[in-house]
Amino acid sequence: MRITTTIGQIPTPWDISMNLASIESVVDQSEPGDLVLLPEGAVSGYAPDLSPLATLDQAHLADAVERVAELARRRGVHIFCGSLLPEQGGWWNVALHFPPSGGRWVYRKINLAVNERAAALRAGTELPTRQVRQADGGLAVGVQLCREIRYPEQWQHLARSGAQAFVYLTNAASHEATPGVWRSHLISRAAENQRFVFAVNLADPRQHCPSMVVSPRGEVLAELPPGQAGTLRVTVDLAEISDWSLDQQRRDVVDLRYRPDVRDHA
């Protein structure tokens, strides 16, 4: 089975209308059945300073989310994009999946950044996989956001739970970051789990994590130039996925335990 992903490296200002225009431009370059990836905070906007959340137009944001859902239906694509989202009396950093059949699925970031904790964002407590239905079968994906690249145990849990590929949305732009580290993390997450990694970052001159596709062997199949807006479309063969490495782990010596709290979002 082959999967095509369209990756949109776009800016993420605190301007919902501008963000929608950027999202529409990326979706216009996709084809029916594609997985369309957009950065962390692509709908609402995102920046290290989260104080604009206090005045963000929540009605406008809700309408924008519905418009992205409509884009997915109209184009016949699966859209994965990030947003800050108000729910249950608080703000969450989420990844949204909009399938062409309608509706939406939400992943709530479990490992918040320092600025997010300072802004009292709420953290998720579950690491689910998501089924992406295709004409010739289905694809199970695991979704991670930004600094969750630093926690390989989360990715391994998703792989062991059936994820065949990782969808990674980030908003990583800082002159203080050591060059090349996050790129190496993405390659490691792909190779150690023998899964595809589809990664998208925002377009920013300080960008320190690439938007790219990595194979289960750790080979970078395609990568966008950093710092500028652009789109990447890549087709991969899921036959490359393997459990060869995972099956050789000494789980009698070291093993992972998963303790979700499903009460918050049952």
C-alpha atoms as a PDB file:
ATOM      1  CA  MET A   1       0.000   0.000   0.000  1.00  0.00           C
ATOM      2  CA  ARG A   2       1.289   3.450  -0.930  1.00  0.00           C
ATOM      3  CA  ILE A   3       0.541   6.698   0.900  1.00  0.00           C
ATOM      4  CA  THR A   4       1.074  10.252  -0.332  1.00  0.00           C
ATOM      5  CA  THR A   5       1.620  13.129   2.041  1.00  0.00           C
ATOM      6  CA  THR A   6       1.536  16.846   1.277  1.00  0.00           C
ATOM      7  CA  ILE A   7       3.522  18.872   3.812  1.00  0.00           C
ATOM      8  CA  GLY A   8       2.892  22.600   4.123  1.00  0.00           C
ATOM      9  CA  GLN A   9       5.615  24.668   5.792  1.00  0.00           C
ATOM     10  CA  ILE A  10       3.779  27.915   6.522  1.00  0.00           C
ATOM     11  CA  PRO A  11       4.006  30.831   9.000  1.00  0.00           C
ATOM     12  CA  THR A  12       1.802  30.679  12.109  1.00  0.00           C
ATOM     13  CA  PRO A  13       1.057  34.282  13.135  1.00  0.00           C
ATOM     14  CA  TRP A  14      -1.663  35.306  15.583  1.00  0.00           C
ATOM     15  CA  ASP A  15      -3.915  35.996  12.605  1.00  0.00           C
ATOM     16  CA  ILE A  16      -6.571  33.331  12.050  1.00  0.00           C
ATOM     17  CA  SER A  17      -7.674  34.674   8.661  1.00  0.00           C
ATOM     18  CA  MET A  18      -4.110  34.723   7.359  1.00  0.00           C
ATOM     19  CA  ASN A  19      -3.545  31.213   8.669  1.00  0.00           C
ATOM     20  CA  LEU A  20      -6.665  29.953   6.896  1.00  0.00           C
ATOM     21  CA  ALA A  21      -5.436  31.427   3.620  1.00  0.00           C
ATOM     22  CA  SER A  22      -2.091  29.638   4.033  1.00  0.00           C
ATOM     23  CA  ILE A  23      -3.824  26.355   4.864  1.00  0.00           C
ATOM     24  CA  GLU A  24      -6.081  26.647   1.806  1.00  0.00           C
ATOM     25  CA  SER A  25      -3.035  27.289  -0.396  1.00  0.00           C
ATOM     26  CA  VAL A  26      -1.399  24.059   0.807  1.00  0.00           C
ATOM     27  CA  VAL A  27      -4.580  21.999   0.457  1.00  0.00           C
ATOM     28  CA  ASP A  28      -4.999  23.297  -3.110  1.00  0.00           C
ATOM     29  CA  GLN A  29      -1.691  21.592  -3.969  1.00  0.00           C
ATOM     30  CA  SER A  30      -2.834  18.188  -2.668  1.00  0.00           C
ATOM     31  CA  GLU A  31      -4.716  15.375  -4.378  1.00  0.00           C
ATOM     32  CA  PRO A  32      -7.658  13.289  -3.089  1.00  0.00           C
ATOM     33  CA  GLY A  33      -6.516  10.738  -0.516  1.00  0.00           C
ATOM     34  CA  ASP A  34      -3.406  12.693   0.510  1.00  0.00           C
ATOM     35  CA  LEU A  35      -2.362  13.194   4.116  1.00  0.00           C
ATOM     36  CA  VAL A  36      -1.963  16.972   4.394  1.00  0.00           C
ATOM     37  CA  LEU A  37       0.277  18.104   7.264  1.00  0.00           C
ATOM     38  CA  LEU A  38       0.378  21.631   8.701  1.00  0.00           C
ATOM     39  CA  PRO A  39       2.394  22.922  11.680  1.00  0.00           C
ATOM     40  CA  GLU A  40       1.663  23.090  15.378  1.00  0.00           C
ATOM     41  CA  GLY A  41      -0.617  26.076  15.937  1.00  0.00           C
ATOM     42  CA  ALA A  42      -1.438  26.369  12.226  1.00  0.00           C
ATOM     43  CA  VAL A  43      -5.063  27.431  12.774  1.00  0.00           C
ATOM     44  CA  SER A  44      -4.941  29.586  15.906  1.00  0.00           C
ATOM     45  CA  GLY A  45      -1.402  30.854  15.523  1.00  0.00           C
ATOM     46  CA  TYR A  46       1.467  30.113  17.876  1.00  0.00           C
ATOM     47  CA  ALA A  47       4.575  31.796  19.277  1.00  0.00           C
ATOM     48  CA  PRO A  48       6.732  31.463  22.394  1.00  0.00           C
ATOM     49  CA  ASP A  49       4.778  34.349  23.932  1.00  0.00           C
ATOM     50  CA  LEU A  50       1.284  32.945  24.450  1.00  0.00           C
ATOM     51  CA  SER A  51      -0.215  36.112  25.947  1.00  0.00           C
ATOM     52  CA  PRO A  52      -2.321  36.773  22.773  1.00  0.00           C
ATOM     53  CA  LEU A  53      -4.506  33.847  23.860  1.00  0.00           C
ATOM     54  CA  ALA A  54      -6.154  36.221  26.332  1.00  0.00           C
ATOM     55  CA  THR A  55      -7.715  38.217  23.471  1.00  0.00           C
ATOM     56  CA  LEU A  56      -7.941  35.598  20.712  1.00  0.00           C
ATOM     57  CA  ASP A  57     -11.409  35.581  19.128  1.00  0.00           C
ATOM     58  CA  GLN A  58     -12.720  32.161  20.144  1.00  0.00           C
ATOM     59  CA  ALA A  59     -15.766  32.372  17.862  1.00  0.00           C
ATOM     60  CA  HIS A  60     -13.511  33.143  14.898  1.00  0.00           C
ATOM     61  CA  LEU A  61     -11.276  30.228  15.884  1.00  0.00           C
ATOM     62  CA  ALA A  62     -14.235  27.833  16.113  1.00  0.00           C
ATOM     63  CA  ASP A  63     -15.397  28.949  12.671  1.00  0.00           C
ATOM     64  CA  ALA A  64     -11.887  28.467  11.279  1.00  0.00           C
ATOM     65  CA  VAL A  65     -11.758  24.900  12.590  1.00  0.00           C
ATOM     66  CA  GLU A  66     -15.027  24.179  10.786  1.00  0.00           C
ATOM     67  CA  ARG A  67     -13.659  25.695   7.599  1.00  0.00           C
ATOM     68  CA  VAL A  68     -10.619  23.394   7.726  1.00  0.00           C
ATOM     69  CA  ALA A  69     -12.974  20.450   8.197  1.00  0.00           C
ATOM     70  CA  GLU A  70     -14.890  21.594   5.128  1.00  0.00           C
ATOM     71  CA  LEU A  71     -11.623  21.859   3.156  1.00  0.00           C
ATOM     72  CA  ALA A  72     -10.878  18.213   3.972  1.00  0.00           C
ATOM     73  CA  ARG A  73     -14.351  17.146   2.828  1.00  0.00           C
ATOM     74  CA  ARG A  74     -14.304  19.219  -0.348  1.00  0.00           C
ATOM     75  CA  ARG A  75     -10.794  18.166  -1.410  1.00  0.00           C
ATOM     76  CA  GLY A  76     -11.138  14.557  -0.270  1.00  0.00           C
ATOM     77  CA  VAL A  77      -7.994  14.650   1.866  1.00  0.00           C
ATOM     78  CA  HIS A  78      -6.942  13.908   5.426  1.00  0.00           C
ATOM     79  CA  ILE A  79      -5.756  17.107   7.121  1.00  0.00           C
ATOM     80  CA  PHE A  80      -3.539  16.952  10.198  1.00  0.00           C
ATOM     81  CA  CYS A  81      -2.935  20.396  11.664  1.00  0.00           C
ATOM     82  CA  GLY A  82      -2.164  22.009  14.977  1.00  0.00           C
ATOM     83  CA  SER A  83      -4.104  24.593  16.944  1.00  0.00           C
ATOM     84  CA  LEU A  84      -4.481  25.994  20.395  1.00  0.00           C
ATOM     85  CA  LEU A  85      -8.031  25.108  21.345  1.00  0.00           C
ATOM     86  CA  PRO A  86     -10.341  26.176  24.180  1.00  0.00           C
ATOM     87  CA  GLU A  87     -12.163  23.194  25.704  1.00  0.00           C
ATOM     88  CA  GLN A  88     -13.596  22.380  29.115  1.00  0.00           C
ATOM     89  CA  GLY A  89     -12.779  25.829  30.502  1.00  0.00           C
ATOM     90  CA  GLY A  90      -9.100  25.838  29.517  1.00  0.00           C
ATOM     91  CA  TRP A  91      -6.664  25.979  26.609  1.00  0.00           C
ATOM     92  CA  TRP A  92      -4.997  22.933  25.075  1.00  0.00           C
ATOM     93  CA  ASN A  93      -2.275  22.494  22.480  1.00  0.00           C
ATOM     94  CA  VAL A  94      -3.782  19.967  20.075  1.00  0.00           C
ATOM     95  CA  ALA A  95      -3.304  18.165  16.788  1.00  0.00           C
ATOM     96  CA  LEU A  96      -6.498  17.820  14.779  1.00  0.00           C
ATOM     97  CA  HIS A  97      -7.291  15.207  12.150  1.00  0.00           C
ATOM     98  CA  PHE A  98     -10.022  16.101   9.679  1.00  0.00           C
ATOM     99  CA  PRO A  99     -10.944  13.105   7.476  1.00  0.00           C
ATOM    100  CA  PRO A 100     -12.724  13.561   4.135  1.00  0.00           C
ATOM    101  CA  SER A 101     -15.757  11.801   5.593  1.00  0.00           C
ATOM    102  CA  GLY A 102     -16.289  14.658   8.062  1.00  0.00           C
ATOM    103  CA  GLY A 103     -15.843  15.139  11.798  1.00  0.00           C
ATOM    104  CA  ARG A 104     -12.607  15.599  13.666  1.00  0.00           C
ATOM    105  CA  TRP A 105     -10.241  13.740  15.975  1.00  0.00           C
ATOM    106  CA  VAL A 106      -8.146  15.466  18.644  1.00  0.00           C
ATOM    107  CA  TYR A 107      -4.755  14.617  20.142  1.00  0.00           C
ATOM    108  CA  ARG A 108      -3.917  16.706  23.201  1.00  0.00           C
ATOM    109  CA  LYS A 109      -0.203  17.288  23.740  1.00  0.00           C
ATOM    110  CA  ILE A 110       0.914  15.434  26.865  1.00  0.00           C
ATOM    111  CA  ASN A 111       4.393  16.911  27.295  1.00  0.00           C
ATOM    112  CA  LEU A 112       3.995  20.675  27.388  1.00  0.00           C
ATOM    113  CA  ALA A 113       6.757  23.192  26.786  1.00  0.00           C
ATOM    114  CA  VAL A 114       7.840  25.555  29.566  1.00  0.00           C
ATOM    115  CA  ASN A 115       6.009  28.525  28.010  1.00  0.00           C
ATOM    116  CA  GLU A 116       2.840  26.425  27.737  1.00  0.00           C
ATOM    117  CA  ARG A 117       2.954  25.420  31.381  1.00  0.00           C
ATOM    118  CA  ALA A 118       3.571  29.061  32.342  1.00  0.00           C
ATOM    119  CA  ALA A 119       0.463  30.035  30.362  1.00  0.00           C
ATOM    120  CA  ALA A 120      -1.564  27.390  32.241  1.00  0.00           C
ATOM    121  CA  LEU A 121      -2.295  25.251  29.205  1.00  0.00           C
ATOM    122  CA  ARG A 122      -3.702  21.860  30.100  1.00  0.00           C
ATOM    123  CA  ALA A 123      -1.843  18.665  29.271  1.00  0.00           C
ATOM    124  CA  GLY A 124      -3.362  15.549  27.754  1.00  0.00           C
ATOM    125  CA  THR A 125      -3.017  12.148  29.376  1.00  0.00           C
ATOM    126  CA  GLU A 126      -3.464   9.725  26.459  1.00  0.00           C
ATOM    127  CA  LEU A 127      -1.302   8.436  23.599  1.00  0.00           C
ATOM    128  CA  PRO A 128      -3.809   7.041  21.082  1.00  0.00           C
ATOM    129  CA  THR A 129      -3.223   5.907  17.530  1.00  0.00           C
ATOM    130  CA  ARG A 130      -5.451   7.128  14.730  1.00  0.00           C
ATOM    131  CA  GLN A 131      -6.831   5.133  11.806  1.00  0.00           C
ATOM    132  CA  VAL A 132      -6.644   6.868   8.420  1.00  0.00           C
ATOM    133  CA  ARG A 133      -8.967   5.170   5.954  1.00  0.00           C
ATOM    134  CA  GLN A 134      -7.800   4.926   2.350  1.00  0.00           C
ATOM    135  CA  ALA A 135      -9.422   3.502  -0.780  1.00  0.00           C
ATOM    136  CA  ASP A 136      -7.138   0.448  -0.732  1.00  0.00           C
ATOM    137  CA  GLY A 137      -6.862  -0.046   3.020  1.00  0.00           C
ATOM    138  CA  GLY A 138      -6.083   1.795   6.202  1.00  0.00           C
ATOM    139  CA  LEU A 139      -3.096   3.452   7.823  1.00  0.00           C
ATOM    140  CA  ALA A 140      -2.563   3.710  11.583  1.00  0.00           C
ATOM    141  CA  VAL A 141      -0.645   6.810  12.656  1.00  0.00           C
ATOM    142  CA  GLY A 142       0.746   8.108  15.908  1.00  0.00           C
ATOM    143  CA  VAL A 143       0.737  11.882  16.368  1.00  0.00           C
ATOM    144  CA  GLN A 144       3.263  13.908  18.352  1.00  0.00           C
ATOM    145  CA  LEU A 145       3.753  17.631  18.887  1.00  0.00           C
ATOM    146  CA  CYS A 146       6.967  19.674  19.095  1.00  0.00           C
ATOM    147  CA  ARG A 147       9.077  18.940  22.208  1.00  0.00           C
ATOM    148  CA  GLU A 148       7.617  15.421  22.350  1.00  0.00           C
ATOM    149  CA  ILE A 149      10.422  14.595  19.896  1.00  0.00           C
ATOM    150  CA  ARG A 150      12.619  14.461  23.027  1.00  0.00           C
ATOM    151  CA  TYR A 151      10.721  11.527  24.536  1.00  0.00           C
ATOM    152  CA  PRO A 152      11.375   8.370  22.471  1.00  0.00           C
ATOM    153  CA  GLU A 153       9.376   6.202  24.856  1.00  0.00           C
ATOM    154  CA  GLN A 154       6.194   7.935  23.665  1.00  0.00           C
ATOM    155  CA  TRP A 155       6.990   7.108  20.042  1.00  0.00           C
ATOM    156  CA  GLN A 156       7.884   3.519  20.885  1.00  0.00           C
ATOM    157  CA  HIS A 157       4.587   3.074  22.691  1.00  0.00           C
ATOM    158  CA  LEU A 158       2.731   4.328  19.615  1.00  0.00           C
ATOM    159  CA  ALA A 159       4.679   1.932  17.369  1.00  0.00           C
ATOM    160  CA  ARG A 160       3.914  -0.983  19.659  1.00  0.00           C
ATOM    161  CA  SER A 161       0.248   0.089  19.643  1.00  0.00           C
ATOM    162  CA  GLY A 162       0.100  -0.378  15.888  1.00  0.00           C
ATOM    163  CA  ALA A 163       1.187   2.962  14.424  1.00  0.00           C
ATOM    164  CA  GLN A 164       2.700   2.454  10.982  1.00  0.00           C
ATOM    165  CA  ALA A 165       3.797   6.066  10.621  1.00  0.00           C
ATOM    166  CA  PHE A 166       4.343   9.116  12.788  1.00  0.00           C
ATOM    167  CA  VAL A 167       2.733  12.487  12.060  1.00  0.00           C
ATOM    168  CA  TYR A 168       4.863  15.151  13.716  1.00  0.00           C
ATOM    169  CA  LEU A 169       3.708  18.774  13.922  1.00  0.00           C
ATOM    170  CA  THR A 170       6.021  21.341  15.451  1.00  0.00           C
ATOM    171  CA  ASN A 171       6.616  25.049  15.940  1.00  0.00           C
ATOM    172  CA  ALA A 172      10.363  24.973  16.527  1.00  0.00           C
ATOM    173  CA  ALA A 173      12.163  28.249  15.863  1.00  0.00           C
ATOM    174  CA  SER A 174      14.932  29.507  18.125  1.00  0.00           C
ATOM    175  CA  HIS A 175      18.435  30.887  17.607  1.00  0.00           C
ATOM    176  CA  GLU A 176      19.392  29.224  20.904  1.00  0.00           C
ATOM    177  CA  ALA A 177      18.808  25.669  19.633  1.00  0.00           C
ATOM    178  CA  THR A 178      21.857  23.613  18.694  1.00  0.00           C
ATOM    179  CA  PRO A 179      21.784  23.150  14.903  1.00  0.00           C
ATOM    180  CA  GLY A 180      20.997  19.661  13.668  1.00  0.00           C
ATOM    181  CA  VAL A 181      19.797  18.154  16.942  1.00  0.00           C
ATOM    182  CA  TRP A 182      16.072  18.020  16.183  1.00  0.00           C
ATOM    183  CA  ARG A 183      16.778  16.762  12.651  1.00  0.00           C
ATOM    184  CA  SER A 184      18.791  13.925  14.212  1.00  0.00           C
ATOM    185  CA  HIS A 185      15.940  13.195  16.621  1.00  0.00           C
ATOM    186  CA  LEU A 186      13.507  12.767  13.713  1.00  0.00           C
ATOM    187  CA  ILE A 187      15.852  10.365  11.943  1.00  0.00           C
ATOM    188  CA  SER A 188      16.299   8.390  15.160  1.00  0.00           C
ATOM    189  CA  ARG A 189      12.565   8.162  15.852  1.00  0.00           C
ATOM    190  CA  ALA A 190      12.064   6.731  12.349  1.00  0.00           C
ATOM    191  CA  ALA A 191      14.983   4.273  12.385  1.00  0.00           C
ATOM    192  CA  GLU A 192      14.631   2.969  15.957  1.00  0.00           C
ATOM    193  CA  ASN A 193      10.935   2.181  15.414  1.00  0.00           C
ATOM    194  CA  GLN A 194      11.241   1.308  11.692  1.00  0.00           C
ATOM    195  CA  ARG A 195       8.326   3.596  10.903  1.00  0.00           C
ATOM    196  CA  PHE A 196       7.867   6.503   8.497  1.00  0.00           C
ATOM    197  CA  VAL A 197       8.085   9.998   9.979  1.00  0.00           C
ATOM    198  CA  PHE A 198       6.124  12.801   8.309  1.00  0.00           C
ATOM    199  CA  ALA A 199       7.300  16.047   9.913  1.00  0.00           C
ATOM    200  CA  VAL A 200       6.221  19.652   9.405  1.00  0.00           C
ATOM    201  CA  ASN A 201       7.510  22.844  11.025  1.00  0.00           C
ATOM    202  CA  LEU A 202       6.524  26.471  10.601  1.00  0.00           C
ATOM    203  CA  ALA A 203       8.273  28.756   8.117  1.00  0.00           C
ATOM    204  CA  ASP A 204      10.509  31.015  10.197  1.00  0.00           C
ATOM    205  CA  PRO A 205      14.082  32.321   9.738  1.00  0.00           C
ATOM    206  CA  ARG A 206      14.976  30.818  13.145  1.00  0.00           C
ATOM    207  CA  GLN A 207      13.639  27.368  12.204  1.00  0.00           C
ATOM    208  CA  HIS A 208      15.785  24.609  13.724  1.00  0.00           C
ATOM    209  CA  CYS A 209      13.716  21.525  12.897  1.00  0.00           C
ATOM    210  CA  PRO A 210      13.117  20.561   9.267  1.00  0.00           C
ATOM    211  CA  SER A 211       9.922  19.706   7.471  1.00  0.00           C
ATOM    212  CA  MET A 212      10.731  16.345   5.917  1.00  0.00           C
ATOM    213  CA  VAL A 213       9.873  12.690   5.309  1.00  0.00           C
ATOM    214  CA  VAL A 214      12.072   9.966   6.818  1.00  0.00           C
ATOM    215  CA  SER A 215      11.920   6.288   5.887  1.00  0.00           C
ATOM    216  CA  PRO A 216      11.887   3.353   8.355  1.00  0.00           C
ATOM    217  CA  ARG A 217      15.585   2.919   7.551  1.00  0.00           C
ATOM    218  CA  GLY A 218      16.342   6.458   8.682  1.00  0.00           C
ATOM    219  CA  GLU A 219      16.790   7.763   5.141  1.00  0.00           C
ATOM    220  CA  VAL A 220      15.635  11.331   4.519  1.00  0.00           C
ATOM    221  CA  LEU A 221      13.429  10.982   1.451  1.00  0.00           C
ATOM    222  CA  ALA A 222      12.636  14.665   0.998  1.00  0.00           C
ATOM    223  CA  GLU A 223      13.182  17.898   2.919  1.00  0.00           C
ATOM    224  CA  LEU A 224      12.071  21.506   2.547  1.00  0.00           C
ATOM    225  CA  PRO A 225      14.581  24.367   2.754  1.00  0.00           C
ATOM    226  CA  PRO A 226      14.429  25.982   6.202  1.00  0.00           C
ATOM    227  CA  GLY A 227      13.066  29.419   6.922  1.00  0.00           C
ATOM    228  CA  GLN A 228      10.725  29.913   3.989  1.00  0.00           C
ATOM    229  CA  ALA A 229       7.219  28.852   3.078  1.00  0.00           C
ATOM    230  CA  GLY A 230       6.982  25.804   0.846  1.00  0.00           C
ATOM    231  CA  THR A 231       5.160  22.580   0.047  1.00  0.00           C
ATOM    232  CA  LEU A 232       6.444  19.034  -0.273  1.00  0.00           C
ATOM    233  CA  ARG A 233       4.538  16.070  -1.751  1.00  0.00           C
ATOM    234  CA  VAL A 234       5.967  12.571  -1.276  1.00  0.00           C
ATOM    235  CA  THR A 235       4.641   9.046  -1.899  1.00  0.00           C
ATOM    236  CA  VAL A 236       5.905   6.174   0.266  1.00  0.00           C
ATOM    237  CA  ASP A 237       5.452   2.402   0.280  1.00  0.00           C
ATOM    238  CA  LEU A 238       4.215   0.990   3.595  1.00  0.00           C
ATOM    239  CA  ALA A 239       5.879  -2.336   2.770  1.00  0.00           C
ATOM    240  CA  GLU A 240       9.099  -0.806   4.169  1.00  0.00           C
ATOM    241  CA  ILE A 241       7.689  -0.820   7.715  1.00  0.00           C
ATOM    242  CA  SER A 242       9.099  -3.529   9.984  1.00  0.00           C
ATOM    243  CA  ASP A 243       9.066  -4.773  13.589  1.00  0.00           C
ATOM    244  CA  TRP A 244      12.492  -6.396  13.225  1.00  0.00           C
ATOM    245  CA  SER A 245      14.210  -4.105  15.754  1.00  0.00           C
ATOM    246  CA  LEU A 246      11.316  -3.846  18.195  1.00  0.00           C
ATOM    247  CA  ASP A 247      10.942  -7.629  18.287  1.00  0.00           C
ATOM    248  CA  GLN A 248      14.538  -7.995  19.487  1.00  0.00           C
ATOM    249  CA  GLN A 249      14.174  -5.745  22.513  1.00  0.00           C
ATOM    250  CA  ARG A 250      15.016  -7.344  25.853  1.00  0.00           C
ATOM    251  CA  ARG A 251      11.617  -6.623  27.369  1.00  0.00           C
ATOM    252  CA  ASP A 252      12.446  -9.048  30.164  1.00  0.00           C
ATOM    253  CA  VAL A 253      15.091  -6.498  31.263  1.00  0.00           C
ATOM    254  CA  VAL A 254      13.596  -3.111  30.260  1.00  0.00           C
ATOM    255  CA  ASP A 255       9.962  -2.489  29.367  1.00  0.00           C
ATOM    256  CA  LEU A 256       7.538   0.418  29.083  1.00  0.00           C
ATOM    257  CA  ARG A 257       4.364   0.920  31.066  1.00  0.00           C
ATOM    258  CA  TYR A 258       1.483   3.016  29.777  1.00  0.00           C
ATOM    259  CA  ARG A 259      -0.816   4.620  32.345  1.00  0.00           C
ATOM    260  CA  PRO A 260      -3.437   6.751  30.573  1.00  0.00           C
ATOM    261  CA  ASP A 261      -6.024   8.697  32.500  1.00  0.00           C
ATOM    262  CA  VAL A 262      -9.085   8.270  30.302  1.00  0.00           C
ATOM    263  CA  ARG A 263     -11.448   9.908  32.784  1.00  0.00           C
ATOM    264  CA  ASP A 264     -10.776  13.440  31.486  1.00  0.00           C
ATOM    265  CA  HIS A 265     -11.826  12.741  27.898  1.00  0.00           C
ATOM    266  CA  ALA A 266     -14.003   9.634  27.983  1.00  0.00           C
END
